[in-house]
Amino acid sequence: MMTPARIKSWTFQAFVATLVLIGPIISAQKVPNCASTLGCFSFPAITSCPSPDEFWSPTAVLGGCCPGCVRGLALGTPCGTSTTTETTTDATETPATCAPGLVCGVGSVCRLNTGDCLATHHVPDSIQWVPQCDSRGRYAPKQCRGDQINGRCFCYSAEGKRIFGWSWRNRAQRMTCACSRRRADLEAEGRFDVTLHCTPDGNYEQLQCDQGVCWCADSETGTQTAGTRAVPEELWSLLPCYNETLHGVQYLRRCESVAFSQILQRKQFIIRGHRDVTFTDTLCEYDGSHELHARGMTGRSLILIKLRSEHCRR
């Protein structure tokens, strides 16, 4: 039978043991908890970074618990190692990241990322012309150079590659390059059967067909013209924007018909196990024009002549 003194001693030992067990838990709770019910009091929008040298980070502030804007490393700065990076509210230990438009390149130094339009923010002021960027930091579809008399505007992909479409600058007020940009994006995704037709300045032609559907399109956006309906491709001639003299008896132009036939033939050869069959690729522009090419001694494709689509119909 336990005496009162022994019971008191056992109770005190149990209390001490309990303190030893819960002590680490109590002290651990003093560490900031990112799962706190308080959350981030000020949650800025992802697009709210005020400076082109800043980028969005989900662990920017409050010890890595909350998102915010982080100032990246400048051009020519060593990169690839951890460093204390400034933020809009405090400082935190983060992997050293180059500023938007820069990439950690050869020699672990921040260099211009030529595939990113934001790289234009880091070029010296002595450069007379830099590309225009859109609100998402990509290359704007239309890039213009020169004065209003002799200047020209060209269409570009989001990555800054020249694509179909150009116009004199004094005639480019309504030039959007929307058709050329859309076709380039679809082809980059792997589609080989895109049949959108673009005007020479990269806008949409009035009548469009793609993936078996035809519609009358707004030239600047490609959207369906108000008051009209989209129809199956076999009924394309019933559209109000159809013109027999302009469009002929079939939507595909001669160059496109030849190119698609080659693709289908190549597929059939591959299905039957013939993989060494070669074709002279037919290259078509986004307006359906047919470019004749020859191979030079270096293997580069040389344009010999360009035949307009109006002269290439069946």
C-alpha atoms as a PDB file:
ATOM      1  CA  MET A   1       0.000   0.000   0.000  1.00  0.00           C
ATOM      2  CA  MET A   2       1.351   3.409  -1.048  1.00  0.00           C
ATOM      3  CA  THR A   3       1.799   6.032   1.658  1.00  0.00           C
ATOM      4  CA  PRO A   4       0.653   9.665   1.086  1.00  0.00           C
ATOM      5  CA  ALA A   5       4.281  10.788   0.834  1.00  0.00           C
ATOM      6  CA  ARG A   6       5.052   8.192  -1.808  1.00  0.00           C
ATOM      7  CA  ILE A   7       1.907   9.130  -3.760  1.00  0.00           C
ATOM      8  CA  LYS A   8       2.928  12.804  -3.705  1.00  0.00           C
ATOM      9  CA  SER A   9       6.440  11.886  -4.910  1.00  0.00           C
ATOM     10  CA  TRP A  10       5.043   9.774  -7.781  1.00  0.00           C
ATOM     11  CA  THR A  11       2.642  12.530  -8.785  1.00  0.00           C
ATOM     12  CA  PHE A  12       5.458  15.100  -8.884  1.00  0.00           C
ATOM     13  CA  GLN A  13       7.625  12.771 -11.052  1.00  0.00           C
ATOM     14  CA  ALA A  14       4.734  12.214 -13.448  1.00  0.00           C
ATOM     15  CA  PHE A  15       4.196  15.983 -13.706  1.00  0.00           C
ATOM     16  CA  VAL A  16       7.901  16.516 -14.476  1.00  0.00           C
ATOM     17  CA  ALA A  17       7.796  13.769 -17.110  1.00  0.00           C
ATOM     18  CA  THR A  18       4.759  15.387 -18.710  1.00  0.00           C
ATOM     19  CA  LEU A  19       6.561  18.715 -18.898  1.00  0.00           C
ATOM     20  CA  VAL A  20       9.529  17.008 -20.542  1.00  0.00           C
ATOM     21  CA  LEU A  21       7.250  15.447 -23.163  1.00  0.00           C
ATOM     22  CA  ILE A  22       5.174  18.512 -23.995  1.00  0.00           C
ATOM     23  CA  GLY A  23       8.017  20.989 -23.648  1.00  0.00           C
ATOM     24  CA  PRO A  24       9.253  20.561 -27.257  1.00  0.00           C
ATOM     25  CA  ILE A  25       5.683  20.831 -28.503  1.00  0.00           C
ATOM     26  CA  ILE A  26       5.115  24.103 -26.647  1.00  0.00           C
ATOM     27  CA  SER A  27       8.406  25.551 -27.853  1.00  0.00           C
ATOM     28  CA  ALA A  28       7.746  24.303 -31.408  1.00  0.00           C
ATOM     29  CA  GLN A  29       4.502  26.256 -31.456  1.00  0.00           C
ATOM     30  CA  LYS A  30       6.504  29.452 -31.025  1.00  0.00           C
ATOM     31  CA  VAL A  31       7.871  28.947 -34.583  1.00  0.00           C
ATOM     32  CA  PRO A  32       5.727  30.826 -37.168  1.00  0.00           C
ATOM     33  CA  ASN A  33       3.199  28.400 -38.629  1.00  0.00           C
ATOM     34  CA  CYS A  34       2.372  28.927 -42.318  1.00  0.00           C
ATOM     35  CA  ALA A  35      -0.913  27.096 -41.746  1.00  0.00           C
ATOM     36  CA  SER A  36      -2.027  29.767 -39.282  1.00  0.00           C
ATOM     37  CA  THR A  37      -5.685  30.706 -39.403  1.00  0.00           C
ATOM     38  CA  LEU A  38      -4.611  34.335 -39.738  1.00  0.00           C
ATOM     39  CA  GLY A  39      -3.198  33.681 -43.184  1.00  0.00           C
ATOM     40  CA  CYS A  40      -1.590  36.406 -45.298  1.00  0.00           C
ATOM     41  CA  PHE A  41      -3.198  39.733 -44.412  1.00  0.00           C
ATOM     42  CA  SER A  42      -2.311  41.356 -47.737  1.00  0.00           C
ATOM     43  CA  PHE A  43      -2.445  39.007 -50.698  1.00  0.00           C
ATOM     44  CA  PRO A  44      -1.269  40.974 -53.745  1.00  0.00           C
ATOM     45  CA  ALA A  45      -2.216  39.993 -57.264  1.00  0.00           C
ATOM     46  CA  ILE A  46       0.272  37.992 -59.297  1.00  0.00           C
ATOM     47  CA  THR A  47       0.542  40.819 -61.831  1.00  0.00           C
ATOM     48  CA  SER A  48       1.176  43.523 -59.244  1.00  0.00           C
ATOM     49  CA  CYS A  49       4.992  43.519 -59.201  1.00  0.00           C
ATOM     50  CA  PRO A  50       5.777  47.203 -59.811  1.00  0.00           C
ATOM     51  CA  SER A  51       9.285  46.840 -61.234  1.00  0.00           C
ATOM     52  CA  PRO A  52      10.439  44.883 -64.300  1.00  0.00           C
ATOM     53  CA  ASP A  53      13.320  43.602 -62.160  1.00  0.00           C
ATOM     54  CA  GLU A  54      10.892  41.856 -59.798  1.00  0.00           C
ATOM     55  CA  PHE A  55       9.241  38.461 -60.147  1.00  0.00           C
ATOM     56  CA  TRP A  56       6.423  36.703 -58.323  1.00  0.00           C
ATOM     57  CA  SER A  57       7.354  34.172 -55.623  1.00  0.00           C
ATOM     58  CA  PRO A  58       4.935  32.100 -53.491  1.00  0.00           C
ATOM     59  CA  THR A  59       7.428  32.201 -50.576  1.00  0.00           C
ATOM     60  CA  ALA A  60       8.556  35.806 -50.728  1.00  0.00           C
ATOM     61  CA  VAL A  61       7.631  37.216 -47.314  1.00  0.00           C
ATOM     62  CA  LEU A  62       6.927  36.331 -43.665  1.00  0.00           C
ATOM     63  CA  GLY A  63       9.645  33.723 -43.442  1.00  0.00           C
ATOM     64  CA  GLY A  64       8.554  31.993 -46.632  1.00  0.00           C
ATOM     65  CA  CYS A  65       4.889  31.719 -45.651  1.00  0.00           C
ATOM     66  CA  CYS A  66       3.330  34.276 -47.988  1.00  0.00           C
ATOM     67  CA  PRO A  67       3.679  35.256 -51.648  1.00  0.00           C
ATOM     68  CA  GLY A  68       4.980  38.549 -52.940  1.00  0.00           C
ATOM     69  CA  CYS A  69       7.359  40.288 -55.317  1.00  0.00           C
ATOM     70  CA  VAL A  70      11.059  39.482 -55.186  1.00  0.00           C
ATOM     71  CA  ARG A  71      13.774  41.581 -56.797  1.00  0.00           C
ATOM     72  CA  GLY A  72      15.816  39.404 -59.142  1.00  0.00           C
ATOM     73  CA  LEU A  73      19.516  39.558 -59.909  1.00  0.00           C
ATOM     74  CA  ALA A  74      20.712  42.149 -62.412  1.00  0.00           C
ATOM     75  CA  LEU A  75      22.424  41.549 -65.753  1.00  0.00           C
ATOM     76  CA  GLY A  76      25.969  40.239 -65.249  1.00  0.00           C
ATOM     77  CA  THR A  77      25.401  39.231 -61.618  1.00  0.00           C
ATOM     78  CA  PRO A  78      26.616  35.777 -60.451  1.00  0.00           C
ATOM     79  CA  CYS A  79      23.673  33.390 -60.103  1.00  0.00           C
ATOM     80  CA  GLY A  80      22.767  29.832 -59.196  1.00  0.00           C
ATOM     81  CA  THR A  81      23.517  30.058 -55.443  1.00  0.00           C
ATOM     82  CA  SER A  82      21.356  30.910 -52.445  1.00  0.00           C
ATOM     83  CA  THR A  83      21.328  34.513 -51.349  1.00  0.00           C
ATOM     84  CA  THR A  84      19.274  36.932 -49.291  1.00  0.00           C
ATOM     85  CA  THR A  85      16.893  38.603 -51.725  1.00  0.00           C
ATOM     86  CA  GLU A  86      15.061  41.888 -51.177  1.00  0.00           C
ATOM     87  CA  THR A  87      11.282  41.904 -51.266  1.00  0.00           C
ATOM     88  CA  THR A  88       8.723  44.645 -51.159  1.00  0.00           C
ATOM     89  CA  THR A  89       8.111  44.084 -47.413  1.00  0.00           C
ATOM     90  CA  ASP A  90      11.111  42.271 -45.913  1.00  0.00           C
ATOM     91  CA  ALA A  91      14.053  40.035 -46.780  1.00  0.00           C
ATOM     92  CA  THR A  92      14.141  36.250 -47.054  1.00  0.00           C
ATOM     93  CA  GLU A  93      16.621  33.518 -47.936  1.00  0.00           C
ATOM     94  CA  THR A  94      15.783  32.309 -51.454  1.00  0.00           C
ATOM     95  CA  PRO A  95      17.624  30.696 -54.360  1.00  0.00           C
ATOM     96  CA  ALA A  96      19.319  33.461 -56.349  1.00  0.00           C
ATOM     97  CA  THR A  97      17.122  34.024 -59.405  1.00  0.00           C
ATOM     98  CA  CYS A  98      17.839  36.319 -62.314  1.00  0.00           C
ATOM     99  CA  ALA A  99      15.388  39.136 -62.976  1.00  0.00           C
ATOM    100  CA  PRO A 100      12.634  38.609 -65.577  1.00  0.00           C
ATOM    101  CA  GLY A 101      14.135  38.665 -69.062  1.00  0.00           C
ATOM    102  CA  LEU A 102      17.441  37.218 -67.851  1.00  0.00           C
ATOM    103  CA  VAL A 103      18.623  33.625 -67.502  1.00  0.00           C
ATOM    104  CA  CYS A 104      21.432  32.064 -65.481  1.00  0.00           C
ATOM    105  CA  GLY A 105      23.786  31.257 -68.358  1.00  0.00           C
ATOM    106  CA  VAL A 106      27.379  30.308 -69.093  1.00  0.00           C
ATOM    107  CA  GLY A 107      29.691  30.982 -66.187  1.00  0.00           C
ATOM    108  CA  SER A 108      26.752  31.124 -63.741  1.00  0.00           C
ATOM    109  CA  VAL A 109      26.103  34.751 -64.664  1.00  0.00           C
ATOM    110  CA  CYS A 110      22.731  36.361 -65.451  1.00  0.00           C
ATOM    111  CA  ARG A 111      22.557  36.895 -69.220  1.00  0.00           C
ATOM    112  CA  LEU A 112      19.908  38.143 -71.647  1.00  0.00           C
ATOM    113  CA  ASN A 113      17.216  35.564 -72.418  1.00  0.00           C
ATOM    114  CA  THR A 114      16.676  36.297 -76.101  1.00  0.00           C
ATOM    115  CA  GLY A 115      13.483  34.222 -76.152  1.00  0.00           C
ATOM    116  CA  ASP A 116      11.847  36.462 -73.553  1.00  0.00           C
ATOM    117  CA  CYS A 117      10.577  39.888 -74.533  1.00  0.00           C
ATOM    118  CA  LEU A 118      11.303  41.181 -71.020  1.00  0.00           C
ATOM    119  CA  ALA A 119      14.984  40.984 -71.940  1.00  0.00           C
ATOM    120  CA  THR A 120      14.418  44.339 -73.650  1.00  0.00           C
ATOM    121  CA  HIS A 121      14.264  45.977 -70.197  1.00  0.00           C
ATOM    122  CA  HIS A 122      17.952  45.201 -69.713  1.00  0.00           C
ATOM    123  CA  VAL A 123      19.458  46.427 -72.998  1.00  0.00           C
ATOM    124  CA  PRO A 124      21.549  49.618 -72.906  1.00  0.00           C
ATOM    125  CA  ASP A 125      19.962  52.957 -73.751  1.00  0.00           C
ATOM    126  CA  SER A 126      22.251  53.240 -76.777  1.00  0.00           C
ATOM    127  CA  ILE A 127      20.111  50.670 -78.635  1.00  0.00           C
ATOM    128  CA  GLN A 128      17.922  52.653 -81.032  1.00  0.00           C
ATOM    129  CA  TRP A 129      15.084  50.108 -81.317  1.00  0.00           C
ATOM    130  CA  VAL A 130      13.793  47.414 -78.978  1.00  0.00           C
ATOM    131  CA  PRO A 131      10.806  45.081 -79.517  1.00  0.00           C
ATOM    132  CA  GLN A 132       7.441  45.837 -77.950  1.00  0.00           C
ATOM    133  CA  CYS A 133       6.109  43.507 -75.235  1.00  0.00           C
ATOM    134  CA  ASP A 134       2.502  42.731 -74.325  1.00  0.00           C
ATOM    135  CA  SER A 135       1.023  42.825 -70.805  1.00  0.00           C
ATOM    136  CA  ARG A 136       2.138  39.217 -70.173  1.00  0.00           C
ATOM    137  CA  GLY A 137       5.759  39.859 -71.005  1.00  0.00           C
ATOM    138  CA  ARG A 138       5.629  38.170 -74.409  1.00  0.00           C
ATOM    139  CA  TYR A 139       6.540  39.726 -77.752  1.00  0.00           C
ATOM    140  CA  ALA A 140       3.710  41.840 -79.130  1.00  0.00           C
ATOM    141  CA  PRO A 141       2.244  40.415 -82.374  1.00  0.00           C
ATOM    142  CA  LYS A 142       3.064  43.574 -84.366  1.00  0.00           C
ATOM    143  CA  GLN A 143       6.552  45.075 -84.336  1.00  0.00           C
ATOM    144  CA  CYS A 144       7.225  48.293 -86.270  1.00  0.00           C
ATOM    145  CA  ARG A 145      10.434  50.020 -87.266  1.00  0.00           C
ATOM    146  CA  GLY A 146      11.209  53.207 -89.145  1.00  0.00           C
ATOM    147  CA  ASP A 147       9.266  56.406 -89.700  1.00  0.00           C
ATOM    148  CA  GLN A 148       5.663  56.834 -90.824  1.00  0.00           C
ATOM    149  CA  ILE A 149       6.660  57.137 -94.491  1.00  0.00           C
ATOM    150  CA  ASN A 150       9.214  54.388 -95.079  1.00  0.00           C
ATOM    151  CA  GLY A 151       8.754  52.332 -91.912  1.00  0.00           C
ATOM    152  CA  ARG A 152       7.401  48.788 -91.932  1.00  0.00           C
ATOM    153  CA  CYS A 153       5.541  46.563 -89.482  1.00  0.00           C
ATOM    154  CA  PHE A 154       6.007  42.800 -89.220  1.00  0.00           C
ATOM    155  CA  CYS A 155       4.252  39.955 -87.414  1.00  0.00           C
ATOM    156  CA  TYR A 156       6.041  38.022 -84.673  1.00  0.00           C
ATOM    157  CA  SER A 157       5.345  34.983 -82.532  1.00  0.00           C
ATOM    158  CA  ALA A 158       5.109  35.246 -78.747  1.00  0.00           C
ATOM    159  CA  GLU A 159       8.709  33.983 -78.586  1.00  0.00           C
ATOM    160  CA  GLY A 160       9.992  36.731 -80.870  1.00  0.00           C
ATOM    161  CA  LYS A 161      10.270  34.746 -84.117  1.00  0.00           C
ATOM    162  CA  ARG A 162       9.323  36.395 -87.384  1.00  0.00           C
ATOM    163  CA  ILE A 163       6.128  34.908 -88.856  1.00  0.00           C
ATOM    164  CA  PHE A 164       3.958  35.618 -91.900  1.00  0.00           C
ATOM    165  CA  GLY A 165       2.581  39.123 -92.361  1.00  0.00           C
ATOM    166  CA  TRP A 166       3.867  42.650 -92.928  1.00  0.00           C
ATOM    167  CA  SER A 167       2.647  46.107 -93.963  1.00  0.00           C
ATOM    168  CA  TRP A 168       3.915  49.615 -94.502  1.00  0.00           C
ATOM    169  CA  ARG A 169       3.770  51.508 -91.222  1.00  0.00           C
ATOM    170  CA  ASN A 170       1.456  54.221 -92.571  1.00  0.00           C
ATOM    171  CA  ARG A 171      -1.090  51.508 -93.473  1.00  0.00           C
ATOM    172  CA  ALA A 172      -0.800  49.368 -90.347  1.00  0.00           C
ATOM    173  CA  GLN A 173      -3.297  51.128 -88.080  1.00  0.00           C
ATOM    174  CA  ARG A 174      -5.658  48.110 -88.112  1.00  0.00           C
ATOM    175  CA  MET A 175      -2.962  45.464 -88.454  1.00  0.00           C
ATOM    176  CA  THR A 176      -3.247  42.953 -85.582  1.00  0.00           C
ATOM    177  CA  CYS A 177      -1.351  39.891 -86.891  1.00  0.00           C
ATOM    178  CA  ALA A 178      -4.049  37.877 -85.081  1.00  0.00           C
ATOM    179  CA  CYS A 179      -4.401  35.296 -87.862  1.00  0.00           C
ATOM    180  CA  SER A 180      -0.661  34.747 -88.258  1.00  0.00           C
ATOM    181  CA  ARG A 181      -0.189  34.472 -84.484  1.00  0.00           C
ATOM    182  CA  ARG A 182      -3.069  31.978 -84.189  1.00  0.00           C
ATOM    183  CA  ARG A 183      -1.760  29.790 -86.998  1.00  0.00           C
ATOM    184  CA  ALA A 184       1.755  29.849 -85.595  1.00  0.00           C
ATOM    185  CA  ASP A 185       0.453  28.835 -82.154  1.00  0.00           C
ATOM    186  CA  LEU A 186      -1.624  25.949 -83.545  1.00  0.00           C
ATOM    187  CA  GLU A 187       1.265  24.645 -85.635  1.00  0.00           C
ATOM    188  CA  ALA A 188       3.576  24.872 -82.632  1.00  0.00           C
ATOM    189  CA  GLU A 189       1.092  22.637 -80.775  1.00  0.00           C
ATOM    190  CA  GLY A 190       1.533  19.987 -83.481  1.00  0.00           C
ATOM    191  CA  ARG A 191      -1.401  20.624 -85.816  1.00  0.00           C
ATOM    192  CA  PHE A 192      -0.429  20.083 -89.449  1.00  0.00           C
ATOM    193  CA  ASP A 193      -3.905  20.642 -90.922  1.00  0.00           C
ATOM    194  CA  VAL A 194      -4.545  24.288 -90.009  1.00  0.00           C
ATOM    195  CA  THR A 195      -6.523  25.926 -92.827  1.00  0.00           C
ATOM    196  CA  LEU A 196      -6.982  29.477 -91.554  1.00  0.00           C
ATOM    197  CA  HIS A 197      -6.301  32.008 -94.318  1.00  0.00           C
ATOM    198  CA  CYS A 198      -4.465  35.236 -93.462  1.00  0.00           C
ATOM    199  CA  THR A 199      -4.237  38.477 -95.386  1.00  0.00           C
ATOM    200  CA  PRO A 200      -0.762  39.747 -96.368  1.00  0.00           C
ATOM    201  CA  ASP A 201      -0.639  41.871 -93.197  1.00  0.00           C
ATOM    202  CA  GLY A 202      -1.370  38.902 -90.911  1.00  0.00           C
ATOM    203  CA  ASN A 203      -5.061  39.672 -90.291  1.00  0.00           C
ATOM    204  CA  TYR A 204      -7.910  37.259 -91.029  1.00  0.00           C
ATOM    205  CA  GLU A 205      -9.486  36.904 -94.453  1.00  0.00           C
ATOM    206  CA  GLN A 206     -13.220  37.479 -94.411  1.00  0.00           C
ATOM    207  CA  LEU A 207     -14.136  33.827 -95.056  1.00  0.00           C
ATOM    208  CA  GLN A 208     -12.548  31.165 -92.858  1.00  0.00           C
ATOM    209  CA  CYS A 209     -12.727  27.369 -92.673  1.00  0.00           C
ATOM    210  CA  ASP A 210     -10.953  25.132 -90.183  1.00  0.00           C
ATOM    211  CA  GLN A 211     -11.574  21.638 -88.816  1.00  0.00           C
ATOM    212  CA  GLY A 212     -14.648  21.174 -91.001  1.00  0.00           C
ATOM    213  CA  VAL A 213     -16.406  24.421 -90.014  1.00  0.00           C
ATOM    214  CA  CYS A 214     -16.677  27.660 -92.019  1.00  0.00           C
ATOM    215  CA  TRP A 215     -17.679  31.140 -90.897  1.00  0.00           C
ATOM    216  CA  CYS A 216     -17.524  34.829 -91.830  1.00  0.00           C
ATOM    217  CA  ALA A 217     -14.757  36.334 -89.720  1.00  0.00           C
ATOM    218  CA  ASP A 218     -13.859  39.719 -88.323  1.00  0.00           C
ATOM    219  CA  SER A 219     -10.598  40.681 -90.004  1.00  0.00           C
ATOM    220  CA  GLU A 220      -8.922  41.899 -86.806  1.00  0.00           C
ATOM    221  CA  THR A 221      -9.954  39.154 -84.378  1.00  0.00           C
ATOM    222  CA  GLY A 222     -11.141  36.166 -86.416  1.00  0.00           C
ATOM    223  CA  THR A 223     -14.367  35.935 -84.421  1.00  0.00           C
ATOM    224  CA  GLN A 224     -17.635  35.199 -86.170  1.00  0.00           C
ATOM    225  CA  THR A 225     -19.234  38.260 -87.762  1.00  0.00           C
ATOM    226  CA  ALA A 226     -22.376  39.396 -85.965  1.00  0.00           C
ATOM    227  CA  GLY A 227     -25.592  38.238 -87.610  1.00  0.00           C
ATOM    228  CA  THR A 228     -24.009  35.263 -89.394  1.00  0.00           C
ATOM    229  CA  ARG A 229     -23.791  31.547 -88.630  1.00  0.00           C
ATOM    230  CA  ALA A 230     -21.057  28.969 -88.861  1.00  0.00           C
ATOM    231  CA  VAL A 231     -21.784  26.138 -91.305  1.00  0.00           C
ATOM    232  CA  PRO A 232     -20.252  22.749 -92.206  1.00  0.00           C
ATOM    233  CA  GLU A 233     -17.471  23.034 -94.754  1.00  0.00           C
ATOM    234  CA  GLU A 234     -19.577  21.509 -97.549  1.00  0.00           C
ATOM    235  CA  LEU A 235     -22.009  24.451 -97.197  1.00  0.00           C
ATOM    236  CA  TRP A 236     -19.346  27.152 -97.225  1.00  0.00           C
ATOM    237  CA  SER A 237     -20.641  28.687-100.471  1.00  0.00           C
ATOM    238  CA  LEU A 238     -23.909  29.602 -98.686  1.00  0.00           C
ATOM    239  CA  LEU A 239     -22.168  32.053 -96.378  1.00  0.00           C
ATOM    240  CA  PRO A 240     -22.902  35.752 -97.090  1.00  0.00           C
ATOM    241  CA  CYS A 241     -19.165  36.492 -97.276  1.00  0.00           C
ATOM    242  CA  TYR A 242     -18.616  33.901-100.027  1.00  0.00           C
ATOM    243  CA  ASN A 243     -17.633  35.311-103.422  1.00  0.00           C
ATOM    244  CA  GLU A 244     -17.341  32.839-106.291  1.00  0.00           C
ATOM    245  CA  THR A 245     -14.940  35.038-108.246  1.00  0.00           C
ATOM    246  CA  LEU A 246     -12.684  35.548-105.234  1.00  0.00           C
ATOM    247  CA  HIS A 247     -12.913  32.163-103.527  1.00  0.00           C
ATOM    248  CA  GLY A 248     -13.426  29.767-106.441  1.00  0.00           C
ATOM    249  CA  VAL A 249     -15.010  26.333-106.136  1.00  0.00           C
ATOM    250  CA  GLN A 250     -12.991  24.980-103.205  1.00  0.00           C
ATOM    251  CA  TYR A 251     -11.686  26.521-100.011  1.00  0.00           C
ATOM    252  CA  LEU A 252      -8.210  24.969-100.060  1.00  0.00           C
ATOM    253  CA  ARG A 253      -5.853  26.593-102.506  1.00  0.00           C
ATOM    254  CA  ARG A 254      -3.660  24.633-104.822  1.00  0.00           C
ATOM    255  CA  CYS A 255      -0.544  24.818-102.663  1.00  0.00           C
ATOM    256  CA  GLU A 256      -2.473  23.660 -99.595  1.00  0.00           C
ATOM    257  CA  SER A 257      -4.087  20.785-101.482  1.00  0.00           C
ATOM    258  CA  VAL A 258      -0.690  19.541-102.657  1.00  0.00           C
ATOM    259  CA  ALA A 259       0.837  19.907 -99.196  1.00  0.00           C
ATOM    260  CA  PHE A 260      -1.983  17.981 -97.484  1.00  0.00           C
ATOM    261  CA  SER A 261      -1.830  15.252-100.129  1.00  0.00           C
ATOM    262  CA  GLN A 262       1.875  14.813 -99.428  1.00  0.00           C
ATOM    263  CA  ILE A 263       1.213  14.536 -95.687  1.00  0.00           C
ATOM    264  CA  LEU A 264      -1.472  11.871 -96.210  1.00  0.00           C
ATOM    265  CA  GLN A 265       0.750   9.919 -98.614  1.00  0.00           C
ATOM    266  CA  ARG A 266       3.658  10.046 -96.188  1.00  0.00           C
ATOM    267  CA  LYS A 267       1.386   8.713 -93.432  1.00  0.00           C
ATOM    268  CA  GLN A 268       0.260   5.799 -95.606  1.00  0.00           C
ATOM    269  CA  PHE A 269       3.861   4.880 -96.439  1.00  0.00           C
ATOM    270  CA  ILE A 270       4.750   4.899 -92.730  1.00  0.00           C
ATOM    271  CA  ILE A 271       1.714   2.750 -91.847  1.00  0.00           C
ATOM    272  CA  ARG A 272       2.833   0.185 -94.436  1.00  0.00           C
ATOM    273  CA  GLY A 273       6.388   0.149 -93.110  1.00  0.00           C
ATOM    274  CA  HIS A 274       8.042   2.295 -95.800  1.00  0.00           C
ATOM    275  CA  ARG A 275      10.021   4.912 -93.882  1.00  0.00           C
ATOM    276  CA  ASP A 276      12.746   5.788 -96.377  1.00  0.00           C
ATOM    277  CA  VAL A 277      10.457   7.425 -98.947  1.00  0.00           C
ATOM    278  CA  THR A 278      11.350  11.092 -99.462  1.00  0.00           C
ATOM    279  CA  PHE A 279       9.236  13.931-100.788  1.00  0.00           C
ATOM    280  CA  THR A 280      10.031  17.391-102.052  1.00  0.00           C
ATOM    281  CA  ASP A 281       8.127  19.314 -99.408  1.00  0.00           C
ATOM    282  CA  THR A 282       5.622  21.844-100.670  1.00  0.00           C
ATOM    283  CA  LEU A 283       5.803  24.979 -98.528  1.00  0.00           C
ATOM    284  CA  CYS A 284       2.758  27.227 -98.311  1.00  0.00           C
ATOM    285  CA  GLU A 285       2.354  30.653 -96.802  1.00  0.00           C
ATOM    286  CA  TYR A 286      -0.511  31.584 -94.476  1.00  0.00           C
ATOM    287  CA  ASP A 287      -2.362  33.302 -97.324  1.00  0.00           C
ATOM    288  CA  GLY A 288      -2.239  30.139 -99.430  1.00  0.00           C
ATOM    289  CA  SER A 289       0.501  31.407-101.751  1.00  0.00           C
ATOM    290  CA  HIS A 290       2.963  28.908-103.094  1.00  0.00           C
ATOM    291  CA  GLU A 291       6.695  29.487-102.675  1.00  0.00           C
ATOM    292  CA  LEU A 292       9.118  27.627-104.918  1.00  0.00           C
ATOM    293  CA  HIS A 293      12.343  26.638-103.166  1.00  0.00           C
ATOM    294  CA  ALA A 294      15.704  25.259-104.169  1.00  0.00           C
ATOM    295  CA  ARG A 295      18.455  23.833-101.987  1.00  0.00           C
ATOM    296  CA  GLY A 296      21.775  25.647-102.039  1.00  0.00           C
ATOM    297  CA  MET A 297      25.175  24.065-101.443  1.00  0.00           C
ATOM    298  CA  THR A 298      24.845  24.767 -97.725  1.00  0.00           C
ATOM    299  CA  GLY A 299      21.477  23.008 -97.555  1.00  0.00           C
ATOM    300  CA  ARG A 300      19.578  26.218 -96.919  1.00  0.00           C
ATOM    301  CA  SER A 301      16.233  26.787 -98.603  1.00  0.00           C
ATOM    302  CA  LEU A 302      16.398  29.568-101.194  1.00  0.00           C
ATOM    303  CA  ILE A 303      13.209  31.312-102.360  1.00  0.00           C
ATOM    304  CA  LEU A 304      13.141  31.509-106.148  1.00  0.00           C
ATOM    305  CA  ILE A 305       9.732  33.007-106.795  1.00  0.00           C
ATOM    306  CA  LYS A 306       6.448  33.518-104.992  1.00  0.00           C
ATOM    307  CA  LEU A 307       3.216  32.763-106.830  1.00  0.00           C
ATOM    308  CA  ARG A 308       0.146  34.520-105.485  1.00  0.00           C
ATOM    309  CA  SER A 309      -2.797  32.314-104.522  1.00  0.00           C
ATOM    310  CA  GLU A 310      -5.079  33.991-107.073  1.00  0.00           C
ATOM    311  CA  HIS A 311      -3.000  32.455-109.868  1.00  0.00           C
ATOM    312  CA  CYS A 312      -2.748  29.002-108.297  1.00  0.00           C
ATOM    313  CA  ARG A 313      -6.364  27.905-108.187  1.00  0.00           C
ATOM    314  CA  ARG A 314      -7.568  24.817-109.951  1.00  0.00           C
END
